[in-house]
Amino acid sequence: MAATHSGTHDTSDCLPNCTLEAAMKIIVDIYHQYCVREGKNDLLSLKDLTELLKCQAPTFLAACNRNRAGYIEHLFKEADVNHDQQLTFKESIKVLSILADDVHRISHGEDRCGPDKD
């Protein structure tokens, strides 16, 4: 059976098992585990992002030469839109979207290192 991507969906059959919302809460909780904890900051430093990816996404880093020197720094700089050397949650979403795309490619058995086919 082919998968379809419908624009509408009756959410009444999802409740109380809102797995997407639960997954998003887990992502936020993991983000908070690695945030800079100084003052009221809710930000990731390069060190925080490095620890987060090494601990929470080793499969992602092991593929496509992503464990090479400078890769995480490159991701960090790309995501740090305001160039303040810290990632807000919103800025970190760019890194998480790359990770999510990798997981999506794995689910389809696609080349994780090639160009996007979407």
PDB file of N, CA and C in Angstrom:
ATOM      1  N   MET A   1       0.836  -1.173   0.000  1.00  0.00           N
ATOM      2  CA  MET A   1       0.000   0.000   0.000  1.00  0.00           C
ATOM      3  C   MET A   1       0.882   1.237   0.000  1.00  0.00           C
ATOM      4  N   ALA A   2       0.620   2.172  -0.884  1.00  0.00           N
ATOM      5  CA  ALA A   2       1.422   3.373  -0.994  1.00  0.00           C
ATOM      6  C   ALA A   2       1.064   4.351   0.111  1.00  0.00           C
ATOM      7  N   ALA A   3       2.083   5.032   0.606  1.00  0.00           N
ATOM      8  CA  ALA A   3       1.855   6.052   1.626  1.00  0.00           C
ATOM      9  C   ALA A   3       1.299   7.296   0.968  1.00  0.00           C
ATOM     10  N   THR A   4       0.377   7.931   1.648  1.00  0.00           N
ATOM     11  CA  THR A   4      -0.182   9.179   1.143  1.00  0.00           C
ATOM     12  C   THR A   4       0.108  10.281   2.145  1.00  0.00           C
ATOM     13  N   HIS A   5       0.144  11.490   1.651  1.00  0.00           N
ATOM     14  CA  HIS A   5       0.373  12.651   2.490  1.00  0.00           C
ATOM     15  C   HIS A   5      -0.815  13.576   2.318  1.00  0.00           C
ATOM     16  N   SER A   6      -1.839  13.363   3.091  1.00  0.00           N
ATOM     17  CA  SER A   6      -3.050  14.159   3.023  1.00  0.00           C
ATOM     18  C   SER A   6      -2.874  15.452   3.793  1.00  0.00           C
ATOM     19  N   GLY A   7      -3.469  16.520   3.299  1.00  0.00           N
ATOM     20  CA  GLY A   7      -3.374  17.807   3.958  1.00  0.00           C
ATOM     21  C   GLY A   7      -4.317  17.936   5.133  1.00  0.00           C
ATOM     22  N   THR A   8      -5.316  17.052   5.233  1.00  0.00           N
ATOM     23  CA  THR A   8      -6.258  17.140   6.340  1.00  0.00           C
ATOM     24  C   THR A   8      -6.270  15.820   7.086  1.00  0.00           C
ATOM     25  N   HIS A   9      -6.599  15.925   8.377  1.00  0.00           N
ATOM     26  CA  HIS A   9      -6.638  14.722   9.197  1.00  0.00           C
ATOM     27  C   HIS A   9      -7.531  15.003  10.402  1.00  0.00           C
ATOM     28  N   ASP A  10      -8.411  14.105  10.667  1.00  0.00           N
ATOM     29  CA  ASP A  10      -9.278  14.219  11.836  1.00  0.00           C
ATOM     30  C   ASP A  10      -8.470  13.831  13.064  1.00  0.00           C
ATOM     31  N   THR A  11      -8.187  14.805  13.933  1.00  0.00           N
ATOM     32  CA  THR A  11      -7.344  14.540  15.099  1.00  0.00           C
ATOM     33  C   THR A  11      -8.072  13.828  16.220  1.00  0.00           C
ATOM     34  N   SER A  12      -9.377  13.676  16.115  1.00  0.00           N
ATOM     35  CA  SER A  12     -10.109  13.031  17.208  1.00  0.00           C
ATOM     36  C   SER A  12      -9.691  11.585  17.408  1.00  0.00           C
ATOM     37  N   ASP A  13      -9.205  10.921  16.343  1.00  0.00           N
ATOM     38  CA  ASP A  13      -8.778   9.534  16.503  1.00  0.00           C
ATOM     39  C   ASP A  13      -7.368   9.427  17.085  1.00  0.00           C
ATOM     40  N   CYS A  14      -6.658  10.537  17.260  1.00  0.00           N
ATOM     41  CA  CYS A  14      -5.297  10.538  17.808  1.00  0.00           C
ATOM     42  C   CYS A  14      -5.274  10.667  19.320  1.00  0.00           C
ATOM     43  N   LEU A  15      -6.241  11.327  19.856  1.00  0.00           N
ATOM     44  CA  LEU A  15      -6.227  11.619  21.285  1.00  0.00           C
ATOM     45  C   LEU A  15      -6.548  10.378  22.102  1.00  0.00           C
ATOM     46  N   PRO A  16      -5.948  10.113  23.222  1.00  0.00           N
ATOM     47  CA  PRO A  16      -4.941  10.923  23.891  1.00  0.00           C
ATOM     48  C   PRO A  16      -3.521  10.572  23.484  1.00  0.00           C
ATOM     49  N   ASN A  17      -3.315   9.802  22.460  1.00  0.00           N
ATOM     50  CA  ASN A  17      -1.985   9.360  22.049  1.00  0.00           C
ATOM     51  C   ASN A  17      -1.382  10.287  21.000  1.00  0.00           C
ATOM     52  N   CYS A  18      -1.091  11.500  21.372  1.00  0.00           N
ATOM     53  CA  CYS A  18      -0.511  12.486  20.452  1.00  0.00           C
ATOM     54  C   CYS A  18       0.996  12.256  20.388  1.00  0.00           C
ATOM     55  N   THR A  19       1.412  11.305  19.600  1.00  0.00           N
ATOM     56  CA  THR A  19       2.818  10.911  19.585  1.00  0.00           C
ATOM     57  C   THR A  19       3.721  11.997  19.024  1.00  0.00           C
ATOM     58  N   LEU A  20       3.252  12.799  18.081  1.00  0.00           N
ATOM     59  CA  LEU A  20       4.089  13.876  17.564  1.00  0.00           C
ATOM     60  C   LEU A  20       4.351  14.904  18.653  1.00  0.00           C
ATOM     61  N   GLU A  21       3.324  15.280  19.387  1.00  0.00           N
ATOM     62  CA  GLU A  21       3.522  16.220  20.487  1.00  0.00           C
ATOM     63  C   GLU A  21       4.435  15.614  21.552  1.00  0.00           C
ATOM     64  N   ALA A  22       4.295  14.339  21.824  1.00  0.00           N
ATOM     65  CA  ALA A  22       5.164  13.674  22.799  1.00  0.00           C
ATOM     66  C   ALA A  22       6.610  13.678  22.301  1.00  0.00           C
ATOM     67  N   ALA A  23       6.800  13.414  21.017  1.00  0.00           N
ATOM     68  CA  ALA A  23       8.149  13.422  20.445  1.00  0.00           C
ATOM     69  C   ALA A  23       8.757  14.823  20.516  1.00  0.00           C
ATOM     70  N   MET A  24       7.956  15.842  20.257  1.00  0.00           N
ATOM     71  CA  MET A  24       8.446  17.217  20.342  1.00  0.00           C
ATOM     72  C   MET A  24       8.840  17.570  21.778  1.00  0.00           C
ATOM     73  N   LYS A  25       8.063  17.091  22.745  1.00  0.00           N
ATOM     74  CA  LYS A  25       8.402  17.343  24.145  1.00  0.00           C
ATOM     75  C   LYS A  25       9.730  16.678  24.493  1.00  0.00           C
ATOM     76  N   ILE A  26       9.958  15.483  23.995  1.00  0.00           N
ATOM     77  CA  ILE A  26      11.231  14.796  24.238  1.00  0.00           C
ATOM     78  C   ILE A  26      12.380  15.593  23.633  1.00  0.00           C
ATOM     79  N   ILE A  27      12.199  16.121  22.431  1.00  0.00           N
ATOM     80  CA  ILE A  27      13.242  16.932  21.793  1.00  0.00           C
ATOM     81  C   ILE A  27      13.546  18.160  22.641  1.00  0.00           C
ATOM     82  N   VAL A  28      12.509  18.836  23.122  1.00  0.00           N
ATOM     83  CA  VAL A  28      12.699  20.011  23.977  1.00  0.00           C
ATOM     84  C   VAL A  28      13.415  19.613  25.265  1.00  0.00           C
ATOM     85  N   ASP A  29      13.022  18.498  25.851  1.00  0.00           N
ATOM     86  CA  ASP A  29      13.661  18.034  27.089  1.00  0.00           C
ATOM     87  C   ASP A  29      15.143  17.731  26.864  1.00  0.00           C
ATOM     88  N   ILE A  30      15.470  17.104  25.748  1.00  0.00           N
ATOM     89  CA  ILE A  30      16.877  16.818  25.436  1.00  0.00           C
ATOM     90  C   ILE A  30      17.640  18.116  25.221  1.00  0.00           C
ATOM     91  N   TYR A  31      17.040  19.067  24.505  1.00  0.00           N
ATOM     92  CA  TYR A  31      17.663  20.379  24.317  1.00  0.00           C
ATOM     93  C   TYR A  31      17.995  20.990  25.675  1.00  0.00           C
ATOM     94  N   HIS A  32      17.041  20.953  26.598  1.00  0.00           N
ATOM     95  CA  HIS A  32      17.251  21.542  27.914  1.00  0.00           C
ATOM     96  C   HIS A  32      18.347  20.821  28.714  1.00  0.00           C
ATOM     97  N   GLN A  33      18.540  19.543  28.478  1.00  0.00           N
ATOM     98  CA  GLN A  33      19.602  18.810  29.169  1.00  0.00           C
ATOM     99  C   GLN A  33      20.986  19.330  28.809  1.00  0.00           C
ATOM    100  N   TYR A  34      21.126  19.907  27.602  1.00  0.00           N
ATOM    101  CA  TYR A  34      22.432  20.333  27.110  1.00  0.00           C
ATOM    102  C   TYR A  34      22.603  21.845  27.053  1.00  0.00           C
ATOM    103  N   CYS A  35      21.594  22.605  27.441  1.00  0.00           N
ATOM    104  CA  CYS A  35      21.665  24.077  27.400  1.00  0.00           C
ATOM    105  C   CYS A  35      22.699  24.622  28.367  1.00  0.00           C
ATOM    106  N   VAL A  36      23.175  25.791  28.017  1.00  0.00           N
ATOM    107  CA  VAL A  36      24.001  26.550  28.946  1.00  0.00           C
ATOM    108  C   VAL A  36      23.120  26.869  30.145  1.00  0.00           C
ATOM    109  N   ARG A  37      23.591  26.594  31.333  1.00  0.00           N
ATOM    110  CA  ARG A  37      22.775  26.759  32.537  1.00  0.00           C
ATOM    111  C   ARG A  37      23.170  28.003  33.341  1.00  0.00           C
ATOM    112  N   GLU A  38      23.908  28.889  32.742  1.00  0.00           N
ATOM    113  CA  GLU A  38      24.332  30.096  33.447  1.00  0.00           C
ATOM    114  C   GLU A  38      23.216  31.130  33.415  1.00  0.00           C
ATOM    115  N   GLY A  39      22.878  31.655  34.570  1.00  0.00           N
ATOM    116  CA  GLY A  39      21.818  32.650  34.635  1.00  0.00           C
ATOM    117  C   GLY A  39      20.507  32.074  34.143  1.00  0.00           C
ATOM    118  N   LYS A  40      19.832  32.800  33.303  1.00  0.00           N
ATOM    119  CA  LYS A  40      18.560  32.343  32.742  1.00  0.00           C
ATOM    120  C   LYS A  40      18.708  31.956  31.282  1.00  0.00           C
ATOM    121  N   ASN A  41      19.918  31.683  30.863  1.00  0.00           N
ATOM    122  CA  ASN A  41      20.149  31.309  29.470  1.00  0.00           C
ATOM    123  C   ASN A  41      19.459  30.001  29.138  1.00  0.00           C
ATOM    124  N   ASP A  42      18.923  29.960  27.981  1.00  0.00           N
ATOM    125  CA  ASP A  42      18.289  28.758  27.438  1.00  0.00           C
ATOM    126  C   ASP A  42      18.905  28.554  26.061  1.00  0.00           C
ATOM    127  N   LEU A  43      20.247  28.440  26.062  1.00  0.00           N
ATOM    128  CA  LEU A  43      21.010  28.466  24.822  1.00  0.00           C
ATOM    129  C   LEU A  43      22.007  27.318  24.770  1.00  0.00           C
ATOM    130  N   LEU A  44      22.394  26.935  23.562  1.00  0.00           N
ATOM    131  CA  LEU A  44      23.431  25.931  23.373  1.00  0.00           C
ATOM    132  C   LEU A  44      24.709  26.615  22.905  1.00  0.00           C
ATOM    133  N   SER A  45      25.800  26.305  23.551  1.00  0.00           N
ATOM    134  CA  SER A  45      27.110  26.725  23.071  1.00  0.00           C
ATOM    135  C   SER A  45      27.598  25.671  22.077  1.00  0.00           C
ATOM    136  N   LEU A  46      28.717  25.929  21.431  1.00  0.00           N
ATOM    137  CA  LEU A  46      29.305  24.922  20.550  1.00  0.00           C
ATOM    138  C   LEU A  46      29.635  23.665  21.342  1.00  0.00           C
ATOM    139  N   LYS A  47      30.160  23.831  22.548  1.00  0.00           N
ATOM    140  CA  LYS A  47      30.479  22.676  23.397  1.00  0.00           C
ATOM    141  C   LYS A  47      29.212  21.884  23.717  1.00  0.00           C
ATOM    142  N   ASP A  48      28.122  22.601  24.045  1.00  0.00           N
ATOM    143  CA  ASP A  48      26.849  21.938  24.354  1.00  0.00           C
ATOM    144  C   ASP A  48      26.336  21.155  23.148  1.00  0.00           C
ATOM    145  N   LEU A  49      26.369  21.778  21.970  1.00  0.00           N
ATOM    146  CA  LEU A  49      25.897  21.105  20.758  1.00  0.00           C
ATOM    147  C   LEU A  49      26.748  19.878  20.454  1.00  0.00           C
ATOM    148  N   THR A  50      28.047  20.010  20.626  1.00  0.00           N
ATOM    149  CA  THR A  50      28.952  18.882  20.389  1.00  0.00           C
ATOM    150  C   THR A  50      28.610  17.710  21.307  1.00  0.00           C
ATOM    151  N   GLU A  51      28.419  17.997  22.591  1.00  0.00           N
ATOM    152  CA  GLU A  51      28.054  16.945  23.542  1.00  0.00           C
ATOM    153  C   GLU A  51      26.703  16.339  23.204  1.00  0.00           C
ATOM    154  N   LEU A  52      25.731  17.186  22.850  1.00  0.00           N
ATOM    155  CA  LEU A  52      24.396  16.706  22.498  1.00  0.00           C
ATOM    156  C   LEU A  52      24.475  15.730  21.322  1.00  0.00           C
ATOM    157  N   LEU A  53      25.161  16.128  20.252  1.00  0.00           N
ATOM    158  CA  LEU A  53      25.230  15.267  19.069  1.00  0.00           C
ATOM    159  C   LEU A  53      26.027  13.989  19.335  1.00  0.00           C
ATOM    160  N   LYS A  54      27.130  14.102  20.054  1.00  0.00           N
ATOM    161  CA  LYS A  54      27.933  12.909  20.335  1.00  0.00           C
ATOM    162  C   LYS A  54      27.191  11.914  21.222  1.00  0.00           C
ATOM    163  N   CYS A  55      26.407  12.412  22.171  1.00  0.00           N
ATOM    164  CA  CYS A  55      25.675  11.523  23.075  1.00  0.00           C
ATOM    165  C   CYS A  55      24.338  11.063  22.512  1.00  0.00           C
ATOM    166  N   GLN A  56      23.632  11.944  21.821  1.00  0.00           N
ATOM    167  CA  GLN A  56      22.271  11.653  21.394  1.00  0.00           C
ATOM    168  C   GLN A  56      22.148  11.245  19.928  1.00  0.00           C
ATOM    169  N   ALA A  57      23.189  11.473  19.118  1.00  0.00           N
ATOM    170  CA  ALA A  57      23.084  11.173  17.681  1.00  0.00           C
ATOM    171  C   ALA A  57      24.365  10.551  17.127  1.00  0.00           C
ATOM    172  N   PRO A  58      24.898   9.513  17.776  1.00  0.00           N
ATOM    173  CA  PRO A  58      26.148   8.921  17.279  1.00  0.00           C
ATOM    174  C   PRO A  58      26.009   8.275  15.904  1.00  0.00           C
ATOM    175  N   THR A  59      24.845   7.714  15.594  1.00  0.00           N
ATOM    176  CA  THR A  59      24.629   7.101  14.272  1.00  0.00           C
ATOM    177  C   THR A  59      24.692   8.165  13.181  1.00  0.00           C
ATOM    178  N   PHE A  60      24.103   9.325  13.454  1.00  0.00           N
ATOM    179  CA  PHE A  60      24.155  10.450  12.522  1.00  0.00           C
ATOM    180  C   PHE A  60      25.596  10.878  12.282  1.00  0.00           C
ATOM    181  N   LEU A  61      26.377  11.030  13.348  1.00  0.00           N
ATOM    182  CA  LEU A  61      27.754  11.492  13.213  1.00  0.00           C
ATOM    183  C   LEU A  61      28.669  10.453  12.563  1.00  0.00           C
ATOM    184  N   ALA A  62      28.335   9.183  12.683  1.00  0.00           N
ATOM    185  CA  ALA A  62      29.190   8.134  12.125  1.00  0.00           C
ATOM    186  C   ALA A  62      29.081   8.033  10.606  1.00  0.00           C
ATOM    187  N   ALA A  63      28.015   8.530  10.036  1.00  0.00           N
ATOM    188  CA  ALA A  63      27.793   8.404   8.592  1.00  0.00           C
ATOM    189  C   ALA A  63      28.366   9.604   7.832  1.00  0.00           C
ATOM    190  N   CYS A  64      28.690   9.377   6.588  1.00  0.00           N
ATOM    191  CA  CYS A  64      29.016  10.442   5.627  1.00  0.00           C
ATOM    192  C   CYS A  64      30.184  11.316   6.075  1.00  0.00           C
ATOM    193  N   ASN A  65      31.110  10.765   6.834  1.00  0.00           N
ATOM    194  CA  ASN A  65      32.284  11.497   7.299  1.00  0.00           C
ATOM    195  C   ASN A  65      31.909  12.692   8.182  1.00  0.00           C
ATOM    196  N   ARG A  66      30.763  12.599   8.848  1.00  0.00           N
ATOM    197  CA  ARG A  66      30.327  13.695   9.717  1.00  0.00           C
ATOM    198  C   ARG A  66      31.143  13.777  11.004  1.00  0.00           C
ATOM    199  N   ASN A  67      31.884  12.728  11.312  1.00  0.00           N
ATOM    200  CA  ASN A  67      32.698  12.755  12.523  1.00  0.00           C
ATOM    201  C   ASN A  67      34.061  13.401  12.273  1.00  0.00           C
ATOM    202  N   ARG A  68      34.226  13.989  11.096  1.00  0.00           N
ATOM    203  CA  ARG A  68      35.485  14.659  10.770  1.00  0.00           C
ATOM    204  C   ARG A  68      35.621  15.961  11.576  1.00  0.00           C
ATOM    205  N   ALA A  69      36.855  16.378  11.739  1.00  0.00           N
ATOM    206  CA  ALA A  69      37.115  17.634  12.454  1.00  0.00           C
ATOM    207  C   ALA A  69      36.432  18.788  11.723  1.00  0.00           C
ATOM    208  N   GLY A  70      35.760  19.618  12.477  1.00  0.00           N
ATOM    209  CA  GLY A  70      35.140  20.814  11.916  1.00  0.00           C
ATOM    210  C   GLY A  70      33.700  20.663  11.482  1.00  0.00           C
ATOM    211  N   TYR A  71      33.162  19.441  11.415  1.00  0.00           N
ATOM    212  CA  TYR A  71      31.790  19.265  10.935  1.00  0.00           C
ATOM    213  C   TYR A  71      30.775  19.896  11.887  1.00  0.00           C
ATOM    214  N   ILE A  72      30.886  19.617  13.178  1.00  0.00           N
ATOM    215  CA  ILE A  72      29.919  20.172  14.134  1.00  0.00           C
ATOM    216  C   ILE A  72      30.061  21.693  14.185  1.00  0.00           C
ATOM    217  N   GLU A  73      31.285  22.187  14.102  1.00  0.00           N
ATOM    218  CA  GLU A  73      31.497  23.638  14.076  1.00  0.00           C
ATOM    219  C   GLU A  73      30.799  24.262  12.875  1.00  0.00           C
ATOM    220  N   HIS A  74      30.860  23.582  11.734  1.00  0.00           N
ATOM    221  CA  HIS A  74      30.172  24.063  10.524  1.00  0.00           C
ATOM    222  C   HIS A  74      28.661  24.100  10.748  1.00  0.00           C
ATOM    223  N   LEU A  75      28.104  23.038  11.299  1.00  0.00           N
ATOM    224  CA  LEU A  75      26.671  23.016  11.607  1.00  0.00           C
ATOM    225  C   LEU A  75      26.301  24.166  12.537  1.00  0.00           C
ATOM    226  N   PHE A  76      27.117  24.367  13.550  1.00  0.00           N
ATOM    227  CA  PHE A  76      26.860  25.412  14.531  1.00  0.00           C
ATOM    228  C   PHE A  76      26.843  26.784  13.861  1.00  0.00           C
ATOM    229  N   LYS A  77      27.844  27.070  13.054  1.00  0.00           N
ATOM    230  CA  LYS A  77      27.924  28.377  12.378  1.00  0.00           C
ATOM    231  C   LYS A  77      26.746  28.590  11.435  1.00  0.00           C
ATOM    232  N   GLU A  78      26.344  27.537  10.726  1.00  0.00           N
ATOM    233  CA  GLU A  78      25.195  27.635   9.814  1.00  0.00           C
ATOM    234  C   GLU A  78      23.906  27.932  10.580  1.00  0.00           C
ATOM    235  N   ALA A  79      23.758  27.354  11.750  1.00  0.00           N
ATOM    236  CA  ALA A  79      22.535  27.520  12.529  1.00  0.00           C
ATOM    237  C   ALA A  79      22.510  28.834  13.317  1.00  0.00           C
ATOM    238  N   ASP A  80      23.677  29.357  13.648  1.00  0.00           N
ATOM    239  CA  ASP A  80      23.782  30.567  14.479  1.00  0.00           C
ATOM    240  C   ASP A  80      23.487  31.810  13.633  1.00  0.00           C
ATOM    241  N   VAL A  81      22.213  32.032  13.384  1.00  0.00           N
ATOM    242  CA  VAL A  81      21.755  33.087  12.480  1.00  0.00           C
ATOM    243  C   VAL A  81      22.230  34.472  12.914  1.00  0.00           C
ATOM    244  N   ASN A  82      22.170  34.758  14.208  1.00  0.00           N
ATOM    245  CA  ASN A  82      22.558  36.092  14.676  1.00  0.00           C
ATOM    246  C   ASN A  82      24.034  36.188  15.063  1.00  0.00           C
ATOM    247  N   HIS A  83      24.797  35.131  14.845  1.00  0.00           N
ATOM    248  CA  HIS A  83      26.254  35.097  15.051  1.00  0.00           C
ATOM    249  C   HIS A  83      26.675  35.504  16.468  1.00  0.00           C
ATOM    250  N   ASP A  84      25.900  35.055  17.468  1.00  0.00           N
ATOM    251  CA  ASP A  84      26.238  35.385  18.848  1.00  0.00           C
ATOM    252  C   ASP A  84      26.951  34.241  19.573  1.00  0.00           C
ATOM    253  N   GLN A  85      27.363  33.218  18.828  1.00  0.00           N
ATOM    254  CA  GLN A  85      28.083  32.070  19.386  1.00  0.00           C
ATOM    255  C   GLN A  85      27.252  31.237  20.345  1.00  0.00           C
ATOM    256  N   GLN A  86      25.910  31.330  20.199  1.00  0.00           N
ATOM    257  CA  GLN A  86      24.988  30.531  20.996  1.00  0.00           C
ATOM    258  C   GLN A  86      23.792  30.205  20.123  1.00  0.00           C
ATOM    259  N   LEU A  87      23.204  29.034  20.345  1.00  0.00           N
ATOM    260  CA  LEU A  87      22.011  28.658  19.592  1.00  0.00           C
ATOM    261  C   LEU A  87      20.786  28.719  20.480  1.00  0.00           C
ATOM    262  N   THR A  88      19.790  29.465  20.029  1.00  0.00           N
ATOM    263  CA  THR A  88      18.488  29.408  20.678  1.00  0.00           C
ATOM    264  C   THR A  88      17.843  28.096  20.257  1.00  0.00           C
ATOM    265  N   PHE A  89      16.736  27.757  20.885  1.00  0.00           N
ATOM    266  CA  PHE A  89      16.043  26.542  20.459  1.00  0.00           C
ATOM    267  C   PHE A  89      15.651  26.652  18.988  1.00  0.00           C
ATOM    268  N   LYS A  90      15.132  27.810  18.600  1.00  0.00           N
ATOM    269  CA  LYS A  90      14.711  28.007  17.212  1.00  0.00           C
ATOM    270  C   LYS A  90      15.887  27.846  16.249  1.00  0.00           C
ATOM    271  N   GLU A  91      17.057  28.371  16.605  1.00  0.00           N
ATOM    272  CA  GLU A  91      18.234  28.205  15.750  1.00  0.00           C
ATOM    273  C   GLU A  91      18.669  26.737  15.700  1.00  0.00           C
ATOM    274  N   SER A  92      18.550  26.035  16.812  1.00  0.00           N
ATOM    275  CA  SER A  92      18.986  24.635  16.849  1.00  0.00           C
ATOM    276  C   SER A  92      18.095  23.732  16.001  1.00  0.00           C
ATOM    277  N   ILE A  93      16.894  24.194  15.685  1.00  0.00           N
ATOM    278  CA  ILE A  93      15.987  23.412  14.841  1.00  0.00           C
ATOM    279  C   ILE A  93      16.618  23.114  13.484  1.00  0.00           C
ATOM    280  N   LYS A  94      17.455  24.008  12.971  1.00  0.00           N
ATOM    281  CA  LYS A  94      18.128  23.763  11.687  1.00  0.00           C
ATOM    282  C   LYS A  94      19.000  22.506  11.772  1.00  0.00           C
ATOM    283  N   VAL A  95      19.725  22.367  12.866  1.00  0.00           N
ATOM    284  CA  VAL A  95      20.554  21.174  13.062  1.00  0.00           C
ATOM    285  C   VAL A  95      19.656  19.949  13.213  1.00  0.00           C
ATOM    286  N   LEU A  96      18.583  20.077  13.991  1.00  0.00           N
ATOM    287  CA  LEU A  96      17.664  18.960  14.189  1.00  0.00           C
ATOM    288  C   LEU A  96      16.977  18.554  12.893  1.00  0.00           C
ATOM    289  N   SER A  97      16.733  19.504  12.001  1.00  0.00           N
ATOM    290  CA  SER A  97      16.103  19.156  10.721  1.00  0.00           C
ATOM    291  C   SER A  97      17.045  18.316   9.859  1.00  0.00           C
ATOM    292  N   ILE A  98      18.337  18.578   9.939  1.00  0.00           N
ATOM    293  CA  ILE A  98      19.320  17.763   9.207  1.00  0.00           C
ATOM    294  C   ILE A  98      19.345  16.359   9.787  1.00  0.00           C
ATOM    295  N   LEU A  99      19.289  16.267  11.096  1.00  0.00           N
ATOM    296  CA  LEU A  99      19.235  14.969  11.771  1.00  0.00           C
ATOM    297  C   LEU A  99      17.953  14.222  11.397  1.00  0.00           C
ATOM    298  N   ALA A 100      16.826  14.925  11.390  1.00  0.00           N
ATOM    299  CA  ALA A 100      15.546  14.304  11.024  1.00  0.00           C
ATOM    300  C   ALA A 100      15.569  13.816   9.578  1.00  0.00           C
ATOM    301  N   ASP A 101      16.184  14.587   8.691  1.00  0.00           N
ATOM    302  CA  ASP A 101      16.285  14.158   7.295  1.00  0.00           C
ATOM    303  C   ASP A 101      17.103  12.873   7.183  1.00  0.00           C
ATOM    304  N   ASP A 102      18.158  12.766   7.988  1.00  0.00           N
ATOM    305  CA  ASP A 102      18.972  11.551   7.998  1.00  0.00           C
ATOM    306  C   ASP A 102      18.142  10.356   8.444  1.00  0.00           C
ATOM    307  N   VAL A 103      17.359  10.525   9.503  1.00  0.00           N
ATOM    308  CA  VAL A 103      16.492   9.444   9.989  1.00  0.00           C
ATOM    309  C   VAL A 103      15.458   9.077   8.921  1.00  0.00           C
ATOM    310  N   HIS A 104      14.926  10.077   8.225  1.00  0.00           N
ATOM    311  CA  HIS A 104      13.954   9.833   7.153  1.00  0.00           C
ATOM    312  C   HIS A 104      14.595   9.017   6.025  1.00  0.00           C
ATOM    313  N   ARG A 105      15.812   9.368   5.637  1.00  0.00           N
ATOM    314  CA  ARG A 105      16.513   8.606   4.596  1.00  0.00           C
ATOM    315  C   ARG A 105      16.750   7.157   5.025  1.00  0.00           C
ATOM    316  N   ILE A 106      17.120   6.963   6.287  1.00  0.00           N
ATOM    317  CA  ILE A 106      17.321   5.609   6.811  1.00  0.00           C
ATOM    318  C   ILE A 106      16.019   4.816   6.697  1.00  0.00           C
ATOM    319  N   SER A 107      14.894   5.450   7.018  1.00  0.00           N
ATOM    320  CA  SER A 107      13.607   4.754   6.983  1.00  0.00           C
ATOM    321  C   SER A 107      13.237   4.278   5.589  1.00  0.00           C
ATOM    322  N   HIS A 108      13.771   4.946   4.564  1.00  0.00           N
ATOM    323  CA  HIS A 108      13.497   4.563   3.176  1.00  0.00           C
ATOM    324  C   HIS A 108      14.640   3.763   2.555  1.00  0.00           C
ATOM    325  N   GLY A 109      15.687   3.508   3.320  1.00  0.00           N
ATOM    326  CA  GLY A 109      16.831   2.780   2.800  1.00  0.00           C
ATOM    327  C   GLY A 109      17.578   3.566   1.733  1.00  0.00           C
ATOM    328  N   GLU A 110      17.511   4.880   1.808  1.00  0.00           N
ATOM    329  CA  GLU A 110      18.152   5.743   0.811  1.00  0.00           C
ATOM    330  C   GLU A 110      19.590   6.046   1.180  1.00  0.00           C
ATOM    331  N   ASP A 111      20.334   6.537   0.199  1.00  0.00           N
ATOM    332  CA  ASP A 111      21.701   6.990   0.402  1.00  0.00           C
ATOM    333  C   ASP A 111      21.691   8.185   1.339  1.00  0.00           C
ATOM    334  N   ARG A 112      22.302   8.041   2.495  1.00  0.00           N
ATOM    335  CA  ARG A 112      22.300   9.106   3.501  1.00  0.00           C
ATOM    336  C   ARG A 112      23.246  10.230   3.135  1.00  0.00           C
ATOM    337  N   CYS A 113      24.142   9.987   2.200  1.00  0.00           N
ATOM    338  CA  CYS A 113      25.183  10.969   1.885  1.00  0.00           C
ATOM    339  C   CYS A 113      24.943  11.657   0.544  1.00  0.00           C
ATOM    340  N   GLY A 114      23.969  11.203  -0.204  1.00  0.00           N
ATOM    341  CA  GLY A 114      23.703  11.778  -1.516  1.00  0.00           C
ATOM    342  C   GLY A 114      22.770  12.970  -1.442  1.00  0.00           C
ATOM    343  N   PRO A 115      22.482  13.551  -2.599  1.00  0.00           N
ATOM    344  CA  PRO A 115      21.571  14.702  -2.633  1.00  0.00           C
ATOM    345  C   PRO A 115      20.152  14.289  -2.251  1.00  0.00           C
ATOM    346  N   ASP A 116      19.418  15.249  -1.744  1.00  0.00           N
ATOM    347  CA  ASP A 116      18.023  15.023  -1.341  1.00  0.00           C
ATOM    348  C   ASP A 116      17.197  14.691  -2.569  1.00  0.00           C
ATOM    349  N   LYS A 117      16.323  13.706  -2.467  1.00  0.00           N
ATOM    350  CA  LYS A 117      15.501  13.275  -3.606  1.00  0.00           C
ATOM    351  C   LYS A 117      14.106  13.866  -3.586  1.00  0.00           C
ATOM    352  N   ASP A 118      13.773  14.590  -2.521  1.00  0.00           N
ATOM    353  CA  ASP A 118      12.427  15.173  -2.428  1.00  0.00           C
ATOM    354  C   ASP A 118      12.239  16.303  -3.412  1.00  0.00           C
TER     355      ASP A 118
END
